[in-house]
Amino acid sequence: MKKPKELKVKPIKNGTVIDHITANKSLSVLKILGLPHDQSKVTITMNVQSSHMGSKDIVKIESRELYSSEVDQIALIAPKATINIIRDYEIVEKGKVQLLSEIKNLVDCPNPNCITNTIEPIYGKFYVIKKEPVLLRCHYCDRLMEEEEIESQF
């Protein structure tokens, strides 16, 4: 019996690998990061088998490291994600995203009557009620916001 060739994704020299993304959420991660754009080289792997998660997505971005605000947004839709910084083909930094207990100025309240949706210069502020699945509560109007509503903003 002929053994199938094993295909591997080419390693990146410098950049970021976002691993353990919730399955089928990698396109939302790309949207958060504003990718792809003209010069970006991005590799996406979706629904990869994972002993830890069942299935997961992976995103590799060449020549780019993430800002902390981007990592905070990724944590809202992929709370188990890990961020690996690659330099000269080696992992130099590895960490898990952290879903903060309080989210400021990252998402908007879906309640049209909330003070954050008026002409007042007030930005969204939410408390994390549940981490899996993510559930937020608005500081100003107490409106609950579920994962689907959060993801639709990105």
N, C-alpha and C. Protein backbone atom coordinates (compact mmCIF):
# COMPACT_ATOMS: atom_id res chain seq x y z
N MET A 1 0.84 -1.19 0.00
CA MET A 1 0.00 0.00 0.00
C MET A 1 0.88 1.24 0.00
N LYS A 2 0.57 2.16 -0.86
CA LYS A 2 1.35 3.38 -0.99
C LYS A 2 1.01 4.34 0.14
N LYS A 3 2.04 4.88 0.78
CA LYS A 3 1.86 5.84 1.88
C LYS A 3 1.72 7.24 1.29
N PRO A 4 0.67 8.00 1.69
CA PRO A 4 0.51 9.36 1.14
C PRO A 4 1.62 10.28 1.63
N LYS A 5 1.98 11.22 0.77
CA LYS A 5 2.97 12.22 1.16
C LYS A 5 2.42 13.09 2.25
N GLU A 6 3.25 13.41 3.21
CA GLU A 6 2.83 14.32 4.28
C GLU A 6 3.18 15.74 3.84
N LEU A 7 2.18 16.59 3.78
CA LEU A 7 2.40 17.98 3.40
C LEU A 7 2.57 18.82 4.66
N LYS A 8 3.55 19.67 4.66
CA LYS A 8 3.78 20.54 5.80
C LYS A 8 3.75 21.99 5.34
N VAL A 9 3.29 22.84 6.23
CA VAL A 9 3.28 24.26 5.94
C VAL A 9 4.68 24.79 6.18
N LYS A 10 5.16 25.58 5.26
CA LYS A 10 6.50 26.14 5.35
C LYS A 10 6.63 27.00 6.61
N PRO A 11 7.71 26.82 7.36
CA PRO A 11 7.90 27.67 8.55
C PRO A 11 8.18 29.12 8.14
N ILE A 12 7.88 30.03 9.05
CA ILE A 12 8.16 31.44 8.76
C ILE A 12 9.46 31.84 9.46
N LYS A 13 10.19 32.75 8.83
CA LYS A 13 11.45 33.21 9.40
C LYS A 13 11.21 34.17 10.55
N ASN A 14 10.36 35.16 10.33
CA ASN A 14 10.03 36.15 11.35
C ASN A 14 8.54 36.43 11.28
N GLY A 15 7.92 36.61 12.44
CA GLY A 15 6.50 36.94 12.45
C GLY A 15 5.78 36.35 13.65
N THR A 16 4.51 36.04 13.45
CA THR A 16 3.65 35.58 14.54
C THR A 16 2.86 34.37 14.09
N VAL A 17 2.76 33.41 14.98
CA VAL A 17 1.88 32.26 14.77
C VAL A 17 0.82 32.31 15.86
N ILE A 18 -0.43 32.34 15.44
CA ILE A 18 -1.54 32.30 16.39
C ILE A 18 -2.13 30.89 16.30
N ASP A 19 -1.97 30.14 17.37
CA ASP A 19 -2.39 28.75 17.41
C ASP A 19 -3.57 28.59 18.37
N HIS A 20 -4.21 27.45 18.34
CA HIS A 20 -5.34 27.13 19.23
C HIS A 20 -6.49 28.11 19.11
N ILE A 21 -6.70 28.60 17.89
CA ILE A 21 -7.86 29.46 17.62
C ILE A 21 -9.08 28.56 17.56
N THR A 22 -10.16 28.97 18.16
CA THR A 22 -11.41 28.22 18.08
C THR A 22 -11.71 27.92 16.62
N ALA A 23 -12.09 26.67 16.32
CA ALA A 23 -12.33 26.25 14.94
C ALA A 23 -13.29 27.22 14.23
N ASN A 24 -12.94 27.54 13.01
CA ASN A 24 -13.71 28.42 12.12
C ASN A 24 -13.71 29.89 12.56
N LYS A 25 -12.80 30.30 13.41
CA LYS A 25 -12.72 31.70 13.83
C LYS A 25 -11.51 32.41 13.22
N SER A 26 -10.71 31.72 12.41
CA SER A 26 -9.49 32.34 11.88
C SER A 26 -9.80 33.52 10.96
N LEU A 27 -10.89 33.47 10.23
CA LEU A 27 -11.22 34.60 9.35
C LEU A 27 -11.58 35.83 10.17
N SER A 28 -12.20 35.64 11.33
CA SER A 28 -12.48 36.77 12.22
C SER A 28 -11.18 37.33 12.79
N VAL A 29 -10.22 36.46 13.07
CA VAL A 29 -8.91 36.92 13.55
C VAL A 29 -8.25 37.78 12.47
N LEU A 30 -8.31 37.33 11.22
CA LEU A 30 -7.75 38.13 10.12
C LEU A 30 -8.41 39.48 10.01
N LYS A 31 -9.72 39.53 10.22
CA LYS A 31 -10.45 40.80 10.15
C LYS A 31 -9.99 41.74 11.26
N ILE A 32 -9.80 41.21 12.46
CA ILE A 32 -9.30 42.02 13.57
C ILE A 32 -7.94 42.62 13.21
N LEU A 33 -7.10 41.83 12.57
CA LEU A 33 -5.73 42.26 12.24
C LEU A 33 -5.65 43.07 10.94
N GLY A 34 -6.78 43.22 10.26
CA GLY A 34 -6.77 43.96 9.00
C GLY A 34 -6.02 43.23 7.91
N LEU A 35 -6.06 41.92 7.93
CA LEU A 35 -5.34 41.10 6.96
C LEU A 35 -6.31 40.37 6.04
N PRO A 36 -5.88 39.91 4.89
CA PRO A 36 -4.58 40.24 4.32
C PRO A 36 -4.60 41.61 3.65
N HIS A 37 -3.46 42.24 3.60
CA HIS A 37 -3.32 43.46 2.81
C HIS A 37 -2.22 43.22 1.79
N ASP A 38 -1.91 44.18 0.97
CA ASP A 38 -1.07 43.98 -0.21
C ASP A 38 0.23 43.23 0.04
N GLN A 39 0.96 43.61 1.06
CA GLN A 39 2.29 43.04 1.27
C GLN A 39 2.32 41.87 2.26
N SER A 40 1.21 41.54 2.85
CA SER A 40 1.23 40.53 3.90
C SER A 40 1.24 39.11 3.32
N LYS A 41 1.99 38.25 3.99
CA LYS A 41 2.00 36.82 3.66
C LYS A 41 1.38 36.11 4.85
N VAL A 42 0.23 35.50 4.61
CA VAL A 42 -0.55 34.88 5.67
C VAL A 42 -0.84 33.44 5.28
N THR A 43 -0.67 32.54 6.23
CA THR A 43 -1.06 31.14 6.05
C THR A 43 -2.16 30.83 7.05
N ILE A 44 -3.27 30.27 6.54
CA ILE A 44 -4.39 29.91 7.40
C ILE A 44 -4.61 28.41 7.30
N THR A 45 -4.74 27.77 8.43
CA THR A 45 -5.08 26.36 8.49
C THR A 45 -6.35 26.26 9.31
N MET A 46 -7.40 25.67 8.72
CA MET A 46 -8.69 25.62 9.40
C MET A 46 -9.09 24.18 9.70
N ASN A 47 -9.76 24.02 10.84
CA ASN A 47 -10.30 22.73 11.26
C ASN A 47 -9.24 21.63 11.32
N VAL A 48 -8.07 21.97 11.85
CA VAL A 48 -7.00 21.00 12.03
C VAL A 48 -7.31 20.17 13.27
N GLN A 49 -7.03 18.88 13.20
CA GLN A 49 -7.28 18.02 14.35
C GLN A 49 -6.38 18.43 15.50
N SER A 50 -6.97 18.48 16.69
CA SER A 50 -6.23 18.87 17.89
C SER A 50 -6.64 17.94 19.04
N SER A 51 -5.65 17.33 19.68
CA SER A 51 -5.96 16.45 20.81
C SER A 51 -6.51 17.25 21.98
N HIS A 52 -6.14 18.50 22.07
CA HIS A 52 -6.56 19.37 23.18
C HIS A 52 -7.95 19.97 22.95
N MET A 53 -8.25 20.34 21.69
CA MET A 53 -9.48 21.09 21.41
C MET A 53 -10.47 20.35 20.49
N GLY A 54 -10.10 19.21 19.98
CA GLY A 54 -10.92 18.54 18.98
C GLY A 54 -10.52 19.01 17.59
N SER A 55 -10.83 20.27 17.27
CA SER A 55 -10.33 20.90 16.05
C SER A 55 -10.04 22.36 16.34
N LYS A 56 -9.14 22.92 15.55
CA LYS A 56 -8.68 24.29 15.79
C LYS A 56 -8.27 24.92 14.47
N ASP A 57 -8.02 26.22 14.51
CA ASP A 57 -7.47 26.96 13.38
C ASP A 57 -6.09 27.49 13.79
N ILE A 58 -5.26 27.75 12.79
CA ILE A 58 -3.93 28.32 13.00
C ILE A 58 -3.73 29.42 11.97
N VAL A 59 -3.14 30.54 12.39
CA VAL A 59 -2.82 31.63 11.46
C VAL A 59 -1.34 31.97 11.63
N LYS A 60 -0.60 32.00 10.50
CA LYS A 60 0.80 32.40 10.48
C LYS A 60 0.90 33.71 9.70
N ILE A 61 1.57 34.68 10.30
CA ILE A 61 1.72 35.99 9.66
C ILE A 61 3.20 36.31 9.59
N GLU A 62 3.71 36.44 8.39
CA GLU A 62 5.12 36.74 8.22
C GLU A 62 5.41 38.22 8.43
N SER A 63 6.55 38.49 9.05
CA SER A 63 7.09 39.85 9.22
C SER A 63 6.16 40.78 9.99
N ARG A 64 5.41 40.24 10.96
CA ARG A 64 4.52 41.10 11.75
C ARG A 64 4.32 40.53 13.14
N GLU A 65 4.45 41.40 14.13
CA GLU A 65 4.13 41.04 15.50
C GLU A 65 2.89 41.82 15.89
N LEU A 66 2.14 41.30 16.85
CA LEU A 66 0.84 41.87 17.20
C LEU A 66 0.96 42.94 18.27
N TYR A 67 0.03 43.89 18.22
CA TYR A 67 -0.11 44.89 19.28
C TYR A 67 -0.95 44.29 20.40
N SER A 68 -0.77 44.79 21.60
CA SER A 68 -1.53 44.25 22.74
C SER A 68 -3.04 44.43 22.55
N SER A 69 -3.46 45.52 21.92
CA SER A 69 -4.89 45.73 21.68
C SER A 69 -5.45 44.67 20.73
N GLU A 70 -4.65 44.22 19.76
CA GLU A 70 -5.08 43.17 18.85
C GLU A 70 -5.21 41.84 19.59
N VAL A 71 -4.27 41.56 20.48
CA VAL A 71 -4.32 40.33 21.28
C VAL A 71 -5.56 40.34 22.17
N ASP A 72 -5.89 41.49 22.75
CA ASP A 72 -7.09 41.62 23.59
C ASP A 72 -8.35 41.32 22.78
N GLN A 73 -8.40 41.79 21.54
CA GLN A 73 -9.58 41.53 20.68
C GLN A 73 -9.65 40.06 20.31
N ILE A 74 -8.51 39.45 20.00
CA ILE A 74 -8.49 38.02 19.67
C ILE A 74 -8.99 37.20 20.84
N ALA A 75 -8.65 37.60 22.07
CA ALA A 75 -9.09 36.88 23.26
C ALA A 75 -10.61 36.85 23.37
N LEU A 76 -11.29 37.85 22.83
CA LEU A 76 -12.75 37.89 22.88
C LEU A 76 -13.39 36.79 22.03
N ILE A 77 -12.76 36.42 20.92
CA ILE A 77 -13.36 35.43 20.04
C ILE A 77 -12.63 34.09 20.07
N ALA A 78 -11.42 34.06 20.60
CA ALA A 78 -10.64 32.82 20.67
C ALA A 78 -9.89 32.78 22.01
N PRO A 79 -10.61 32.56 23.11
CA PRO A 79 -10.00 32.68 24.44
C PRO A 79 -8.93 31.64 24.77
N LYS A 80 -8.78 30.60 23.95
CA LYS A 80 -7.74 29.58 24.19
C LYS A 80 -6.52 29.77 23.29
N ALA A 81 -6.51 30.82 22.49
CA ALA A 81 -5.43 31.02 21.52
C ALA A 81 -4.09 31.23 22.20
N THR A 82 -3.05 30.80 21.49
CA THR A 82 -1.68 31.06 21.93
C THR A 82 -1.00 31.91 20.86
N ILE A 83 -0.11 32.77 21.30
CA ILE A 83 0.62 33.66 20.39
C ILE A 83 2.09 33.29 20.47
N ASN A 84 2.68 32.94 19.33
CA ASN A 84 4.10 32.61 19.26
C ASN A 84 4.81 33.63 18.39
N ILE A 85 5.83 34.26 18.95
CA ILE A 85 6.64 35.22 18.19
C ILE A 85 7.84 34.45 17.64
N ILE A 86 8.04 34.56 16.33
CA ILE A 86 9.09 33.83 15.64
C ILE A 86 10.16 34.81 15.15
N ARG A 87 11.41 34.48 15.44
CA ARG A 87 12.55 35.25 14.92
C ARG A 87 13.62 34.26 14.48
N ASP A 88 14.08 34.42 13.26
CA ASP A 88 15.07 33.50 12.67
C ASP A 88 14.64 32.03 12.83
N TYR A 89 13.38 31.78 12.52
CA TYR A 89 12.77 30.44 12.52
C TYR A 89 12.62 29.82 13.92
N GLU A 90 12.90 30.56 14.95
CA GLU A 90 12.80 30.04 16.32
C GLU A 90 11.70 30.77 17.08
N ILE A 91 11.01 30.04 17.96
CA ILE A 91 10.02 30.67 18.85
C ILE A 91 10.80 31.37 19.95
N VAL A 92 10.68 32.70 20.00
CA VAL A 92 11.40 33.47 21.01
C VAL A 92 10.48 33.91 22.15
N GLU A 93 9.19 33.85 21.89
CA GLU A 93 8.22 34.24 22.92
C GLU A 93 6.94 33.47 22.67
N LYS A 94 6.38 32.93 23.74
CA LYS A 94 5.15 32.15 23.62
C LYS A 94 4.24 32.53 24.77
N GLY A 95 2.99 32.80 24.46
CA GLY A 95 2.06 33.15 25.52
C GLY A 95 0.63 32.85 25.12
N LYS A 96 -0.23 32.80 26.12
CA LYS A 96 -1.66 32.59 25.88
C LYS A 96 -2.35 33.94 25.93
N VAL A 97 -3.40 34.08 25.13
CA VAL A 97 -4.18 35.31 25.22
C VAL A 97 -4.87 35.31 26.59
N GLN A 98 -5.08 36.47 27.12
CA GLN A 98 -5.74 36.62 28.42
C GLN A 98 -7.01 37.43 28.24
N LEU A 99 -8.13 36.83 28.54
CA LEU A 99 -9.38 37.56 28.50
C LEU A 99 -9.46 38.36 29.80
N LEU A 100 -9.39 39.67 29.66
CA LEU A 100 -9.40 40.54 30.82
C LEU A 100 -10.76 40.49 31.51
N SER A 101 -10.82 40.84 32.79
CA SER A 101 -12.10 40.84 33.50
C SER A 101 -12.93 42.07 33.10
N GLU A 102 -12.25 43.09 32.59
CA GLU A 102 -12.92 44.31 32.15
C GLU A 102 -12.42 44.67 30.75
N ILE A 103 -13.34 44.91 29.85
CA ILE A 103 -13.01 45.22 28.46
C ILE A 103 -13.37 46.69 28.21
N LYS A 104 -12.38 47.48 27.79
CA LYS A 104 -12.62 48.91 27.54
C LYS A 104 -12.30 49.25 26.10
N ASN A 105 -13.21 49.94 25.45
CA ASN A 105 -13.01 50.53 24.13
C ASN A 105 -12.63 49.52 23.04
N LEU A 106 -13.08 48.27 23.16
CA LEU A 106 -12.80 47.28 22.13
C LEU A 106 -14.04 46.89 21.34
N VAL A 107 -15.19 46.92 22.00
CA VAL A 107 -16.46 46.60 21.33
C VAL A 107 -17.50 47.63 21.72
N ASP A 108 -18.54 47.71 20.90
CA ASP A 108 -19.62 48.67 21.15
C ASP A 108 -20.84 47.96 21.71
N CYS A 109 -21.56 48.65 22.56
CA CYS A 109 -22.78 48.09 23.12
C CYS A 109 -23.84 48.00 22.03
N PRO A 110 -24.50 46.85 21.91
CA PRO A 110 -25.53 46.70 20.88
C PRO A 110 -26.86 47.38 21.23
N ASN A 111 -26.99 47.88 22.45
CA ASN A 111 -28.22 48.55 22.88
C ASN A 111 -28.24 49.97 22.30
N PRO A 112 -29.15 50.27 21.38
CA PRO A 112 -29.18 51.62 20.78
C PRO A 112 -29.48 52.72 21.80
N ASN A 113 -30.06 52.37 22.94
CA ASN A 113 -30.38 53.36 23.97
C ASN A 113 -29.29 53.54 25.01
N CYS A 114 -28.20 52.80 24.87
CA CYS A 114 -27.07 52.92 25.81
C CYS A 114 -26.42 54.29 25.63
N ILE A 115 -25.94 54.86 26.71
CA ILE A 115 -25.30 56.19 26.65
C ILE A 115 -24.07 56.19 25.74
N THR A 116 -23.46 55.01 25.54
CA THR A 116 -22.29 54.94 24.66
C THR A 116 -22.66 55.12 23.19
N ASN A 117 -23.95 55.01 22.88
CA ASN A 117 -24.41 55.17 21.50
C ASN A 117 -25.09 56.51 21.26
N THR A 118 -24.77 57.48 22.09
CA THR A 118 -25.30 58.83 21.92
C THR A 118 -24.16 59.75 21.50
N ILE A 119 -24.40 61.03 21.49
CA ILE A 119 -23.34 61.97 21.10
C ILE A 119 -22.34 62.21 22.23
N GLU A 120 -22.62 61.63 23.40
CA GLU A 120 -21.69 61.76 24.53
C GLU A 120 -20.37 61.07 24.19
N PRO A 121 -19.25 61.64 24.58
CA PRO A 121 -17.95 61.01 24.29
C PRO A 121 -17.61 59.91 25.32
N ILE A 122 -18.42 58.86 25.34
CA ILE A 122 -18.22 57.75 26.27
C ILE A 122 -17.98 56.49 25.47
N TYR A 123 -16.91 55.77 25.80
CA TYR A 123 -16.56 54.55 25.10
C TYR A 123 -17.09 53.33 25.84
N GLY A 124 -17.24 52.24 25.11
CA GLY A 124 -17.76 51.00 25.68
C GLY A 124 -16.89 50.47 26.81
N LYS A 125 -17.57 49.96 27.81
CA LYS A 125 -16.89 49.32 28.94
C LYS A 125 -17.75 48.12 29.33
N PHE A 126 -17.12 46.94 29.37
CA PHE A 126 -17.86 45.71 29.64
C PHE A 126 -17.14 44.90 30.71
N TYR A 127 -17.93 44.12 31.42
CA TYR A 127 -17.40 43.17 32.39
C TYR A 127 -17.58 41.77 31.83
N VAL A 128 -16.56 40.93 31.99
CA VAL A 128 -16.65 39.55 31.53
C VAL A 128 -17.42 38.77 32.57
N ILE A 129 -18.59 38.27 32.17
CA ILE A 129 -19.44 37.49 33.06
C ILE A 129 -19.08 36.01 32.96
N LYS A 130 -18.78 35.56 31.73
CA LYS A 130 -18.42 34.17 31.49
C LYS A 130 -17.35 34.13 30.41
N LYS A 131 -16.37 33.23 30.58
CA LYS A 131 -15.26 33.16 29.63
C LYS A 131 -15.48 32.15 28.52
N GLU A 132 -16.32 31.15 28.74
CA GLU A 132 -16.55 30.15 27.71
C GLU A 132 -17.96 29.62 27.76
N PRO A 133 -18.80 29.94 26.80
CA PRO A 133 -18.55 30.94 25.76
C PRO A 133 -18.54 32.35 26.36
N VAL A 134 -17.89 33.27 25.69
CA VAL A 134 -17.73 34.63 26.21
C VAL A 134 -19.10 35.31 26.34
N LEU A 135 -19.31 35.91 27.51
CA LEU A 135 -20.52 36.68 27.79
C LEU A 135 -20.09 37.95 28.51
N LEU A 136 -20.47 39.10 27.94
CA LEU A 136 -20.09 40.40 28.51
C LEU A 136 -21.34 41.12 29.01
N ARG A 137 -21.13 42.03 29.99
CA ARG A 137 -22.22 42.88 30.47
C ARG A 137 -21.76 44.33 30.39
N CYS A 138 -22.58 45.16 29.77
CA CYS A 138 -22.26 46.58 29.62
C CYS A 138 -22.26 47.27 30.98
N HIS A 139 -21.25 48.06 31.22
CA HIS A 139 -21.11 48.81 32.47
C HIS A 139 -22.23 49.84 32.63
N TYR A 140 -22.70 50.40 31.52
CA TYR A 140 -23.64 51.51 31.58
C TYR A 140 -25.11 51.09 31.57
N CYS A 141 -25.46 50.11 30.76
CA CYS A 141 -26.88 49.75 30.63
C CYS A 141 -27.20 48.32 31.05
N ASP A 142 -26.18 47.56 31.46
CA ASP A 142 -26.32 46.17 31.91
C ASP A 142 -26.73 45.20 30.81
N ARG A 143 -26.73 45.61 29.56
CA ARG A 143 -27.07 44.71 28.45
C ARG A 143 -26.04 43.60 28.35
N LEU A 144 -26.51 42.36 28.21
CA LEU A 144 -25.61 41.23 28.02
C LEU A 144 -25.27 41.10 26.54
N MET A 145 -24.04 40.73 26.27
CA MET A 145 -23.57 40.59 24.89
C MET A 145 -22.90 39.24 24.75
N GLU A 146 -23.44 38.42 23.84
CA GLU A 146 -22.93 37.07 23.63
C GLU A 146 -21.89 37.04 22.52
N GLU A 147 -21.20 35.90 22.42
CA GLU A 147 -20.11 35.73 21.46
C GLU A 147 -20.46 36.12 20.03
N GLU A 148 -21.64 35.75 19.57
CA GLU A 148 -22.03 36.05 18.20
C GLU A 148 -22.09 37.56 17.96
N GLU A 149 -22.60 38.31 18.94
CA GLU A 149 -22.69 39.76 18.81
C GLU A 149 -21.29 40.38 18.85
N ILE A 150 -20.42 39.81 19.66
CA ILE A 150 -19.05 40.31 19.76
C ILE A 150 -18.35 40.10 18.43
N GLU A 151 -18.43 38.87 17.92
CA GLU A 151 -17.73 38.53 16.68
C GLU A 151 -18.24 39.35 15.50
N SER A 152 -19.51 39.70 15.49
CA SER A 152 -20.08 40.46 14.37
C SER A 152 -19.48 41.86 14.28
N GLN A 153 -18.84 42.34 15.34
CA GLN A 153 -18.24 43.68 15.32
C GLN A 153 -16.86 43.71 14.68
N PHE A 154 -16.31 42.54 14.46
CA PHE A 154 -14.96 42.48 13.88
C PHE A 154 -14.99 42.11 12.42
